[in-house]
Amino acid sequence: MMNCQDENSYLISKAVPIGYQDNGTFVLNIDALQHRKDLYSDENGSWVMTGCKAKFYTIIRDEEGKVAELEKVNTQASSDVMVRRRTYTCSSYTSYHKTIVSIEFGKDIEKWFPLVLLSYNFDGEPSKFTVKKHGNRTSSNMPHIRSKESTKQKVAEKAMQCGPKRALYFARKEAGGICEVDSISSIPRNSKQVEYLTRKPSEKVKKDPLASVLELQKTTFPGFIREVVCNDLPTVMLFTDRQLDNIVKFRCHDRVNEVSELGVDVTFQLGPFYVLITSFKNTVL
């Protein structure tokens, strides 16, 4: 895929498939979008992330400088790129799924390789469905359409000049009007959304860090975040099966001079967190 721009440019899509409800796979150039985060606005409502697996690779190039292959390595420190596979389930129709595969030089989307693999698939036969309203909405049954990041950015800048209501009017007009707009995500939902976008960061509702950890435990890092305990202070236990296996391997035996000591470091502060780590020696090295 890293050579696709030079060899198979006709296969590359320059726009997110809007309202796509079928089985299909696309190679998308996110640099062709007005904002790279427009990738997430496909007008199929909200999506719930169900996985975020990452693998690490070094890049091997041929004599012409083209990527010949990616060789898998075990750690991020020894890698050139990270290939991350994010999986999602559609909130409006739980048998519909989306996968985004990205080649990343850093986790921020601005550090991604410009081509991503975007795949949609149904469990069973494809079926048309109606996008549901947002879970927090009570006053209306309007379907939830995620506004494009480029739309939010432009209307926020305009609102700083002429206020939320005028900014909403100009945004709709520039997009071609309600009837001529190419996609609903290209215009702001209402003036309340514009007002929210123009608030200072301190005025916005802060996300609950404990809720974020619990969400990560279920989705992004299953098998690593083992336990979340709420006593006087919330405590999170982090370890992998491999770490436990290594403790047994290097600690729990009777071989003379080969038993590794398990050390527990004094709790120290790392940013807003207090961290207690354990360490042991790999006696094979």
C-alpha atoms as a PDB file:
ATOM      1  CA  MET A   1       0.000   0.000   0.000  1.00  0.00           C
ATOM      2  CA  MET A   2       2.964   2.322   0.564  1.00  0.00           C
ATOM      3  CA  ASN A   3       3.759   2.160  -3.183  1.00  0.00           C
ATOM      4  CA  CYS A   4       0.139   2.437  -4.305  1.00  0.00           C
ATOM      5  CA  GLN A   5       0.283   6.191  -4.969  1.00  0.00           C
ATOM      6  CA  ASP A   6       2.940   5.677  -7.645  1.00  0.00           C
ATOM      7  CA  GLU A   7       1.798   2.399  -9.189  1.00  0.00           C
ATOM      8  CA  ASN A   8      -2.006   2.212  -8.827  1.00  0.00           C
ATOM      9  CA  SER A   9      -3.238   5.749  -8.232  1.00  0.00           C
ATOM     10  CA  TYR A  10      -6.504   5.028 -10.081  1.00  0.00           C
ATOM     11  CA  LEU A  11      -7.496   2.634  -7.285  1.00  0.00           C
ATOM     12  CA  ILE A  12      -7.272   5.316  -4.600  1.00  0.00           C
ATOM     13  CA  SER A  13     -10.416   7.052  -3.360  1.00  0.00           C
ATOM     14  CA  LYS A  14     -10.257  10.760  -2.529  1.00  0.00           C
ATOM     15  CA  ALA A  15     -13.537  10.953  -0.601  1.00  0.00           C
ATOM     16  CA  VAL A  16     -15.117   9.035   2.266  1.00  0.00           C
ATOM     17  CA  PRO A  17     -18.007   6.829   1.043  1.00  0.00           C
ATOM     18  CA  ILE A  18     -21.069   8.659   2.377  1.00  0.00           C
ATOM     19  CA  GLY A  19     -23.936   6.568   3.739  1.00  0.00           C
ATOM     20  CA  TYR A  20     -22.316   3.362   2.467  1.00  0.00           C
ATOM     21  CA  GLN A  21     -24.314   0.325   3.646  1.00  0.00           C
ATOM     22  CA  ASP A  22     -22.786  -2.671   1.891  1.00  0.00           C
ATOM     23  CA  ASN A  23     -19.733  -4.934   1.950  1.00  0.00           C
ATOM     24  CA  GLY A  24     -16.751  -3.139   0.458  1.00  0.00           C
ATOM     25  CA  THR A  25     -13.130  -2.117   0.863  1.00  0.00           C
ATOM     26  CA  PHE A  26     -11.537   1.200  -0.103  1.00  0.00           C
ATOM     27  CA  VAL A  27      -8.011   2.601  -0.225  1.00  0.00           C
ATOM     28  CA  LEU A  28      -8.515   6.203   0.875  1.00  0.00           C
ATOM     29  CA  ASN A  29      -6.116   9.137   0.584  1.00  0.00           C
ATOM     30  CA  ILE A  30      -6.790  11.153   3.738  1.00  0.00           C
ATOM     31  CA  ASP A  31      -4.620  13.995   2.426  1.00  0.00           C
ATOM     32  CA  ALA A  32      -7.283  14.554  -0.246  1.00  0.00           C
ATOM     33  CA  LEU A  33      -9.863  15.326   2.476  1.00  0.00           C
ATOM     34  CA  GLN A  34     -10.322  18.874   3.765  1.00  0.00           C
ATOM     35  CA  HIS A  35      -9.252  17.570   7.172  1.00  0.00           C
ATOM     36  CA  ARG A  36      -7.755  14.167   7.892  1.00  0.00           C
ATOM     37  CA  LYS A  37     -10.294  13.507  10.661  1.00  0.00           C
ATOM     38  CA  ASP A  38     -13.090  13.747   8.068  1.00  0.00           C
ATOM     39  CA  LEU A  39     -12.252  10.048   7.703  1.00  0.00           C
ATOM     40  CA  TYR A  40     -14.603   9.355  10.626  1.00  0.00           C
ATOM     41  CA  SER A  41     -17.672  11.094   9.127  1.00  0.00           C
ATOM     42  CA  ASP A  42     -19.481   8.594   6.896  1.00  0.00           C
ATOM     43  CA  GLU A  43     -23.115   9.423   7.821  1.00  0.00           C
ATOM     44  CA  ASN A  44     -23.840   5.990   9.280  1.00  0.00           C
ATOM     45  CA  GLY A  45     -24.312   7.377  12.776  1.00  0.00           C
ATOM     46  CA  SER A  46     -22.039   6.634  15.705  1.00  0.00           C
ATOM     47  CA  TRP A  47     -19.589   3.743  15.887  1.00  0.00           C
ATOM     48  CA  VAL A  48     -18.288   1.877  18.937  1.00  0.00           C
ATOM     49  CA  MET A  49     -14.627   0.868  18.851  1.00  0.00           C
ATOM     50  CA  THR A  50     -14.237  -2.862  19.530  1.00  0.00           C
ATOM     51  CA  GLY A  51     -10.497  -3.271  19.017  1.00  0.00           C
ATOM     52  CA  CYS A  52      -7.265  -1.406  18.318  1.00  0.00           C
ATOM     53  CA  LYS A  53      -4.484  -3.878  17.569  1.00  0.00           C
ATOM     54  CA  ALA A  54      -1.010  -2.639  16.673  1.00  0.00           C
ATOM     55  CA  LYS A  55       1.952  -4.424  15.083  1.00  0.00           C
ATOM     56  CA  PHE A  56       5.452  -3.057  14.566  1.00  0.00           C
ATOM     57  CA  TYR A  57       7.547  -3.240  11.400  1.00  0.00           C
ATOM     58  CA  THR A  58      10.813  -2.073   9.886  1.00  0.00           C
ATOM     59  CA  ILE A  59      10.789  -0.847   6.289  1.00  0.00           C
ATOM     60  CA  ILE A  60      12.952  -2.667   3.732  1.00  0.00           C
ATOM     61  CA  ARG A  61      13.484  -0.768   0.480  1.00  0.00           C
ATOM     62  CA  ASP A  62      14.759  -1.918  -2.902  1.00  0.00           C
ATOM     63  CA  GLU A  63      17.533  -0.317  -4.967  1.00  0.00           C
ATOM     64  CA  GLU A  64      15.100   2.289  -6.330  1.00  0.00           C
ATOM     65  CA  GLY A  65      14.059   3.361  -2.858  1.00  0.00           C
ATOM     66  CA  LYS A  66      10.599   1.782  -3.062  1.00  0.00           C
ATOM     67  CA  VAL A  67       9.209  -0.232  -0.175  1.00  0.00           C
ATOM     68  CA  ALA A  68       9.970  -3.885  -0.905  1.00  0.00           C
ATOM     69  CA  GLU A  69       8.507  -5.341   2.281  1.00  0.00           C
ATOM     70  CA  LEU A  70       7.688  -4.698   5.910  1.00  0.00           C
ATOM     71  CA  GLU A  71       9.543  -6.909   8.364  1.00  0.00           C
ATOM     72  CA  LYS A  72       7.770  -7.534  11.660  1.00  0.00           C
ATOM     73  CA  VAL A  73       9.614  -6.720  14.901  1.00  0.00           C
ATOM     74  CA  ASN A  74       8.596  -7.153  18.528  1.00  0.00           C
ATOM     75  CA  THR A  75       8.934  -3.652  19.950  1.00  0.00           C
ATOM     76  CA  GLN A  76       8.023  -0.137  18.920  1.00  0.00           C
ATOM     77  CA  ALA A  77      11.523   1.074  19.788  1.00  0.00           C
ATOM     78  CA  SER A  78      13.082  -1.097  17.068  1.00  0.00           C
ATOM     79  CA  SER A  79      10.416  -0.329  14.445  1.00  0.00           C
ATOM     80  CA  ASP A  80      10.072   2.236  11.664  1.00  0.00           C
ATOM     81  CA  VAL A  81       6.284   2.173  11.490  1.00  0.00           C
ATOM     82  CA  MET A  82       3.278   0.868  13.352  1.00  0.00           C
ATOM     83  CA  VAL A  83       0.397  -0.809  11.515  1.00  0.00           C
ATOM     84  CA  ARG A  84      -2.786  -0.360  13.531  1.00  0.00           C
ATOM     85  CA  ARG A  85      -6.098  -2.124  12.906  1.00  0.00           C
ATOM     86  CA  ARG A  86      -9.082  -0.360  14.440  1.00  0.00           C
ATOM     87  CA  THR A  87     -12.416  -2.187  14.414  1.00  0.00           C
ATOM     88  CA  TYR A  88     -15.845  -0.642  15.021  1.00  0.00           C
ATOM     89  CA  THR A  89     -19.466  -1.752  15.322  1.00  0.00           C
ATOM     90  CA  CYS A  90     -22.267   0.496  14.098  1.00  0.00           C
ATOM     91  CA  SER A  91     -24.528   1.676  16.935  1.00  0.00           C
ATOM     92  CA  SER A  92     -27.518   1.896  14.586  1.00  0.00           C
ATOM     93  CA  TYR A  93     -27.103  -1.672  13.292  1.00  0.00           C
ATOM     94  CA  THR A  94     -24.859  -3.960  15.346  1.00  0.00           C
ATOM     95  CA  SER A  95     -24.391  -6.460  12.502  1.00  0.00           C
ATOM     96  CA  TYR A  96     -22.557  -3.796  10.492  1.00  0.00           C
ATOM     97  CA  HIS A  97     -18.843  -3.296  11.085  1.00  0.00           C
ATOM     98  CA  LYS A  98     -16.041  -1.006   9.979  1.00  0.00           C
ATOM     99  CA  THR A  99     -12.281  -1.542   9.968  1.00  0.00           C
ATOM    100  CA  ILE A 100      -9.611   1.126   9.512  1.00  0.00           C
ATOM    101  CA  VAL A 101      -6.043  -0.064   8.878  1.00  0.00           C
ATOM    102  CA  SER A 102      -3.435   2.687   9.110  1.00  0.00           C
ATOM    103  CA  ILE A 103       0.346   2.871   8.753  1.00  0.00           C
ATOM    104  CA  GLU A 104       1.542   5.217  11.477  1.00  0.00           C
ATOM    105  CA  PHE A 105       4.764   7.068  12.198  1.00  0.00           C
ATOM    106  CA  GLY A 106       3.037   8.399  15.334  1.00  0.00           C
ATOM    107  CA  LYS A 107      -0.396   7.870  16.916  1.00  0.00           C
ATOM    108  CA  ASP A 108      -1.698  11.340  16.000  1.00  0.00           C
ATOM    109  CA  ILE A 109      -3.550  11.194  12.680  1.00  0.00           C
ATOM    110  CA  GLU A 110      -1.296  13.928  11.281  1.00  0.00           C
ATOM    111  CA  LYS A 111       1.605  11.462  11.540  1.00  0.00           C
ATOM    112  CA  TRP A 112      -0.118   8.683   9.599  1.00  0.00           C
ATOM    113  CA  PHE A 113       0.908   7.565   6.124  1.00  0.00           C
ATOM    114  CA  PRO A 114      -1.688   9.253   3.838  1.00  0.00           C
ATOM    115  CA  LEU A 115      -3.256   6.030   2.545  1.00  0.00           C
ATOM    116  CA  VAL A 116      -5.557   4.026   4.823  1.00  0.00           C
ATOM    117  CA  LEU A 117      -7.540   0.862   4.208  1.00  0.00           C
ATOM    118  CA  LEU A 118     -11.233   1.409   4.968  1.00  0.00           C
ATOM    119  CA  SER A 119     -13.445  -1.678   5.024  1.00  0.00           C
ATOM    120  CA  TYR A 120     -17.162  -2.203   5.710  1.00  0.00           C
ATOM    121  CA  ASN A 121     -18.830  -5.579   6.220  1.00  0.00           C
ATOM    122  CA  PHE A 122     -22.087  -7.105   7.432  1.00  0.00           C
ATOM    123  CA  ASP A 123     -22.606 -10.245   9.465  1.00  0.00           C
ATOM    124  CA  GLY A 124     -24.481 -12.173   6.790  1.00  0.00           C
ATOM    125  CA  GLU A 125     -26.252 -10.500   3.885  1.00  0.00           C
ATOM    126  CA  PRO A 126     -26.094  -6.685   3.499  1.00  0.00           C
ATOM    127  CA  SER A 127     -29.184  -4.861   4.709  1.00  0.00           C
ATOM    128  CA  LYS A 128     -30.264  -1.221   4.586  1.00  0.00           C
ATOM    129  CA  PHE A 129     -30.868   0.349   7.977  1.00  0.00           C
ATOM    130  CA  THR A 130     -31.997   3.658   9.448  1.00  0.00           C
ATOM    131  CA  VAL A 131     -29.467   5.697  11.384  1.00  0.00           C
ATOM    132  CA  LYS A 132     -30.598   6.144  14.986  1.00  0.00           C
ATOM    133  CA  LYS A 133     -30.689   9.359  16.976  1.00  0.00           C
ATOM    134  CA  HIS A 134     -27.874  10.244  19.358  1.00  0.00           C
ATOM    135  CA  GLY A 135     -28.122   8.440  22.698  1.00  0.00           C
ATOM    136  CA  ASN A 136     -28.220  11.747  24.625  1.00  0.00           C
ATOM    137  CA  ARG A 137     -30.947  13.321  22.477  1.00  0.00           C
ATOM    138  CA  THR A 138     -34.449  13.413  24.006  1.00  0.00           C
ATOM    139  CA  SER A 139     -36.206  16.256  22.179  1.00  0.00           C
ATOM    140  CA  SER A 140     -35.984  14.845  18.660  1.00  0.00           C
ATOM    141  CA  ASN A 141     -35.742  11.604  16.696  1.00  0.00           C
ATOM    142  CA  MET A 142     -33.425  13.077  14.068  1.00  0.00           C
ATOM    143  CA  PRO A 143     -30.688  10.598  13.048  1.00  0.00           C
ATOM    144  CA  HIS A 144     -27.252  11.313  14.472  1.00  0.00           C
ATOM    145  CA  ILE A 145     -24.858  12.456  11.734  1.00  0.00           C
ATOM    146  CA  ARG A 146     -21.294  13.191  12.780  1.00  0.00           C
ATOM    147  CA  SER A 147     -20.187  16.573  11.431  1.00  0.00           C
ATOM    148  CA  LYS A 148     -16.926  16.620   9.501  1.00  0.00           C
ATOM    149  CA  GLU A 149     -13.916  17.921  11.391  1.00  0.00           C
ATOM    150  CA  SER A 150     -13.293  20.421   8.580  1.00  0.00           C
ATOM    151  CA  THR A 151     -16.872  21.682   8.952  1.00  0.00           C
ATOM    152  CA  LYS A 152     -16.495  22.180  12.701  1.00  0.00           C
ATOM    153  CA  GLN A 153     -13.163  23.907  12.274  1.00  0.00           C
ATOM    154  CA  LYS A 154     -14.426  26.370   9.664  1.00  0.00           C
ATOM    155  CA  VAL A 155     -17.651  27.248  11.458  1.00  0.00           C
ATOM    156  CA  ALA A 156     -15.795  27.774  14.757  1.00  0.00           C
ATOM    157  CA  GLU A 157     -13.455  30.257  13.062  1.00  0.00           C
ATOM    158  CA  LYS A 158     -16.415  32.037  11.464  1.00  0.00           C
ATOM    159  CA  ALA A 159     -18.299  32.161  14.780  1.00  0.00           C
ATOM    160  CA  MET A 160     -15.402  33.992  16.409  1.00  0.00           C
ATOM    161  CA  GLN A 161     -15.917  36.765  13.842  1.00  0.00           C
ATOM    162  CA  CYS A 162     -19.691  37.077  13.562  1.00  0.00           C
ATOM    163  CA  GLY A 163     -21.325  34.941  16.267  1.00  0.00           C
ATOM    164  CA  PRO A 164     -22.843  31.416  16.234  1.00  0.00           C
ATOM    165  CA  LYS A 165     -26.094  32.130  14.360  1.00  0.00           C
ATOM    166  CA  ARG A 166     -24.488  34.092  11.526  1.00  0.00           C
ATOM    167  CA  ALA A 167     -21.699  31.514  11.326  1.00  0.00           C
ATOM    168  CA  LEU A 168     -24.300  28.758  10.937  1.00  0.00           C
ATOM    169  CA  TYR A 169     -26.021  30.720   8.156  1.00  0.00           C
ATOM    170  CA  PHE A 170     -22.771  31.306   6.254  1.00  0.00           C
ATOM    171  CA  ALA A 171     -21.656  27.680   6.684  1.00  0.00           C
ATOM    172  CA  ARG A 172     -24.889  26.380   5.173  1.00  0.00           C
ATOM    173  CA  LYS A 173     -24.754  28.911   2.368  1.00  0.00           C
ATOM    174  CA  GLU A 174     -21.146  28.084   1.453  1.00  0.00           C
ATOM    175  CA  ALA A 175     -21.963  24.357   1.437  1.00  0.00           C
ATOM    176  CA  GLY A 176     -24.657  24.940  -1.201  1.00  0.00           C
ATOM    177  CA  GLY A 177     -27.679  25.316   1.038  1.00  0.00           C
ATOM    178  CA  ILE A 178     -29.795  22.689   2.780  1.00  0.00           C
ATOM    179  CA  CYS A 179     -31.131  21.262  -0.499  1.00  0.00           C
ATOM    180  CA  GLU A 180     -27.906  21.280  -2.533  1.00  0.00           C
ATOM    181  CA  VAL A 181     -25.324  20.214   0.064  1.00  0.00           C
ATOM    182  CA  ASP A 182     -23.330  17.123  -0.980  1.00  0.00           C
ATOM    183  CA  SER A 183     -23.534  15.562   2.484  1.00  0.00           C
ATOM    184  CA  ILE A 184     -25.271  16.390   5.761  1.00  0.00           C
ATOM    185  CA  SER A 185     -21.943  16.120   7.585  1.00  0.00           C
ATOM    186  CA  SER A 186     -20.716  19.128   5.565  1.00  0.00           C
ATOM    187  CA  ILE A 187     -22.938  21.521   7.525  1.00  0.00           C
ATOM    188  CA  PRO A 188     -23.239  22.133  11.295  1.00  0.00           C
ATOM    189  CA  ARG A 189     -26.240  20.542  13.006  1.00  0.00           C
ATOM    190  CA  ASN A 190     -27.543  23.686  14.710  1.00  0.00           C
ATOM    191  CA  SER A 191     -26.476  26.862  16.504  1.00  0.00           C
ATOM    192  CA  LYS A 192     -26.012  24.963  19.787  1.00  0.00           C
ATOM    193  CA  GLN A 193     -23.270  22.903  18.196  1.00  0.00           C
ATOM    194  CA  VAL A 194     -21.605  26.094  16.965  1.00  0.00           C
ATOM    195  CA  GLU A 195     -21.820  27.608  20.465  1.00  0.00           C
ATOM    196  CA  TYR A 196     -20.196  24.487  21.919  1.00  0.00           C
ATOM    197  CA  LEU A 197     -17.372  24.611  19.383  1.00  0.00           C
ATOM    198  CA  THR A 198     -16.559  28.209  20.321  1.00  0.00           C
ATOM    199  CA  ARG A 199     -16.363  27.618  24.073  1.00  0.00           C
ATOM    200  CA  LYS A 200     -13.005  27.903  25.748  1.00  0.00           C
ATOM    201  CA  PRO A 201     -11.467  24.517  26.625  1.00  0.00           C
ATOM    202  CA  SER A 202     -11.963  25.173  30.346  1.00  0.00           C
ATOM    203  CA  GLU A 203     -15.702  25.614  29.782  1.00  0.00           C
ATOM    204  CA  LYS A 204     -16.166  22.251  28.065  1.00  0.00           C
ATOM    205  CA  VAL A 205     -17.222  19.230  30.063  1.00  0.00           C
ATOM    206  CA  LYS A 206     -14.167  17.235  31.092  1.00  0.00           C
ATOM    207  CA  LYS A 207     -14.175  13.532  30.305  1.00  0.00           C
ATOM    208  CA  ASP A 208     -14.210  11.259  33.351  1.00  0.00           C
ATOM    209  CA  PRO A 209     -10.742   9.595  33.455  1.00  0.00           C
ATOM    210  CA  LEU A 210     -12.103   6.557  35.323  1.00  0.00           C
ATOM    211  CA  ALA A 211     -14.768   6.019  32.654  1.00  0.00           C
ATOM    212  CA  SER A 212     -12.046   6.312  30.012  1.00  0.00           C
ATOM    213  CA  VAL A 213      -9.980   3.589  31.711  1.00  0.00           C
ATOM    214  CA  LEU A 214     -12.999   1.272  31.932  1.00  0.00           C
ATOM    215  CA  GLU A 215     -13.698   1.837  28.235  1.00  0.00           C
ATOM    216  CA  LEU A 216     -10.065   1.046  27.374  1.00  0.00           C
ATOM    217  CA  GLN A 217     -10.296  -2.100  29.493  1.00  0.00           C
ATOM    218  CA  LYS A 218     -13.203  -3.340  27.360  1.00  0.00           C
ATOM    219  CA  THR A 219     -11.885  -2.300  23.958  1.00  0.00           C
ATOM    220  CA  THR A 220      -8.371  -1.073  23.251  1.00  0.00           C
ATOM    221  CA  PHE A 221      -6.336  -2.908  25.914  1.00  0.00           C
ATOM    222  CA  PRO A 222      -8.180  -6.121  26.864  1.00  0.00           C
ATOM    223  CA  GLY A 223      -5.796  -8.472  28.677  1.00  0.00           C
ATOM    224  CA  PHE A 224      -3.524  -5.617  29.835  1.00  0.00           C
ATOM    225  CA  ILE A 225      -5.801  -3.555  32.083  1.00  0.00           C
ATOM    226  CA  ARG A 226      -6.629  -6.395  34.495  1.00  0.00           C
ATOM    227  CA  GLU A 227      -8.412  -4.707  37.364  1.00  0.00           C
ATOM    228  CA  VAL A 228      -9.791  -1.302  38.264  1.00  0.00           C
ATOM    229  CA  VAL A 229     -10.357  -0.860  42.007  1.00  0.00           C
ATOM    230  CA  CYS A 230     -11.971   2.206  43.571  1.00  0.00           C
ATOM    231  CA  ASN A 231     -10.838   2.655  47.174  1.00  0.00           C
ATOM    232  CA  ASP A 232      -9.607   5.968  48.594  1.00  0.00           C
ATOM    233  CA  LEU A 233      -7.925   6.461  45.219  1.00  0.00           C
ATOM    234  CA  PRO A 234      -8.738   4.574  42.009  1.00  0.00           C
ATOM    235  CA  THR A 235      -6.118   1.862  41.403  1.00  0.00           C
ATOM    236  CA  VAL A 236      -5.443   0.156  38.076  1.00  0.00           C
ATOM    237  CA  MET A 237      -3.564  -3.162  37.741  1.00  0.00           C
ATOM    238  CA  LEU A 238      -1.635  -3.462  34.456  1.00  0.00           C
ATOM    239  CA  PHE A 239       0.128  -6.618  33.259  1.00  0.00           C
ATOM    240  CA  THR A 240       0.126  -9.128  30.419  1.00  0.00           C
ATOM    241  CA  ASP A 241       0.066 -12.922  30.381  1.00  0.00           C
ATOM    242  CA  ARG A 242       3.593 -12.870  28.965  1.00  0.00           C
ATOM    243  CA  GLN A 243       4.862 -10.904  31.966  1.00  0.00           C
ATOM    244  CA  LEU A 244       3.342 -13.462  34.351  1.00  0.00           C
ATOM    245  CA  ASP A 245       4.844 -16.322  32.340  1.00  0.00           C
ATOM    246  CA  ASN A 246       8.272 -14.669  32.546  1.00  0.00           C
ATOM    247  CA  ILE A 247       8.012 -14.231  36.321  1.00  0.00           C
ATOM    248  CA  VAL A 248       7.296 -17.955  36.646  1.00  0.00           C
ATOM    249  CA  LYS A 249      10.102 -18.767  34.193  1.00  0.00           C
ATOM    250  CA  PHE A 250      12.816 -16.711  35.888  1.00  0.00           C
ATOM    251  CA  ARG A 251      11.659 -16.824  39.520  1.00  0.00           C
ATOM    252  CA  CYS A 252       9.914 -20.118  40.272  1.00  0.00           C
ATOM    253  CA  HIS A 253      12.660 -22.763  39.957  1.00  0.00           C
ATOM    254  CA  ASP A 254      15.573 -24.251  41.934  1.00  0.00           C
ATOM    255  CA  ARG A 255      18.473 -23.683  39.531  1.00  0.00           C
ATOM    256  CA  VAL A 256      21.420 -22.282  41.483  1.00  0.00           C
ATOM    257  CA  ASN A 257      22.459 -18.701  40.646  1.00  0.00           C
ATOM    258  CA  GLU A 258      19.690 -18.440  38.065  1.00  0.00           C
ATOM    259  CA  VAL A 259      16.806 -17.265  40.233  1.00  0.00           C
ATOM    260  CA  SER A 260      15.860 -13.690  39.414  1.00  0.00           C
ATOM    261  CA  GLU A 261      14.955 -11.326  42.226  1.00  0.00           C
ATOM    262  CA  LEU A 262      11.596  -9.585  42.000  1.00  0.00           C
ATOM    263  CA  GLY A 263      11.973  -5.926  42.881  1.00  0.00           C
ATOM    264  CA  VAL A 264       9.254  -3.468  43.815  1.00  0.00           C
ATOM    265  CA  ASP A 265      10.126   0.186  43.243  1.00  0.00           C
ATOM    266  CA  VAL A 266       8.900   2.924  45.509  1.00  0.00           C
ATOM    267  CA  THR A 267       5.803   4.662  44.212  1.00  0.00           C
ATOM    268  CA  PHE A 268       6.695   7.728  42.151  1.00  0.00           C
ATOM    269  CA  GLN A 269       4.702  10.376  40.338  1.00  0.00           C
ATOM    270  CA  LEU A 270       4.405  10.241  36.556  1.00  0.00           C
ATOM    271  CA  GLY A 271       2.404  13.250  35.374  1.00  0.00           C
ATOM    272  CA  PRO A 272      -0.963  13.161  37.174  1.00  0.00           C
ATOM    273  CA  PHE A 273      -0.501   9.496  38.189  1.00  0.00           C
ATOM    274  CA  TYR A 274       1.271   7.651  40.996  1.00  0.00           C
ATOM    275  CA  VAL A 275       3.043   4.555  39.655  1.00  0.00           C
ATOM    276  CA  LEU A 276       4.260   1.419  41.462  1.00  0.00           C
ATOM    277  CA  ILE A 277       6.304  -0.912  39.244  1.00  0.00           C
ATOM    278  CA  THR A 278       7.807  -4.371  39.697  1.00  0.00           C
ATOM    279  CA  SER A 279      10.936  -5.542  37.918  1.00  0.00           C
ATOM    280  CA  PHE A 280      12.983  -8.714  37.531  1.00  0.00           C
ATOM    281  CA  LYS A 281      16.091  -9.794  35.635  1.00  0.00           C
ATOM    282  CA  ASN A 282      15.944 -11.886  32.489  1.00  0.00           C
ATOM    283  CA  THR A 283      18.574 -14.479  33.453  1.00  0.00           C
ATOM    284  CA  VAL A 284      18.856 -15.739  29.887  1.00  0.00           C
ATOM    285  CA  LEU A 285      20.442 -12.483  28.704  1.00  0.00           C
END
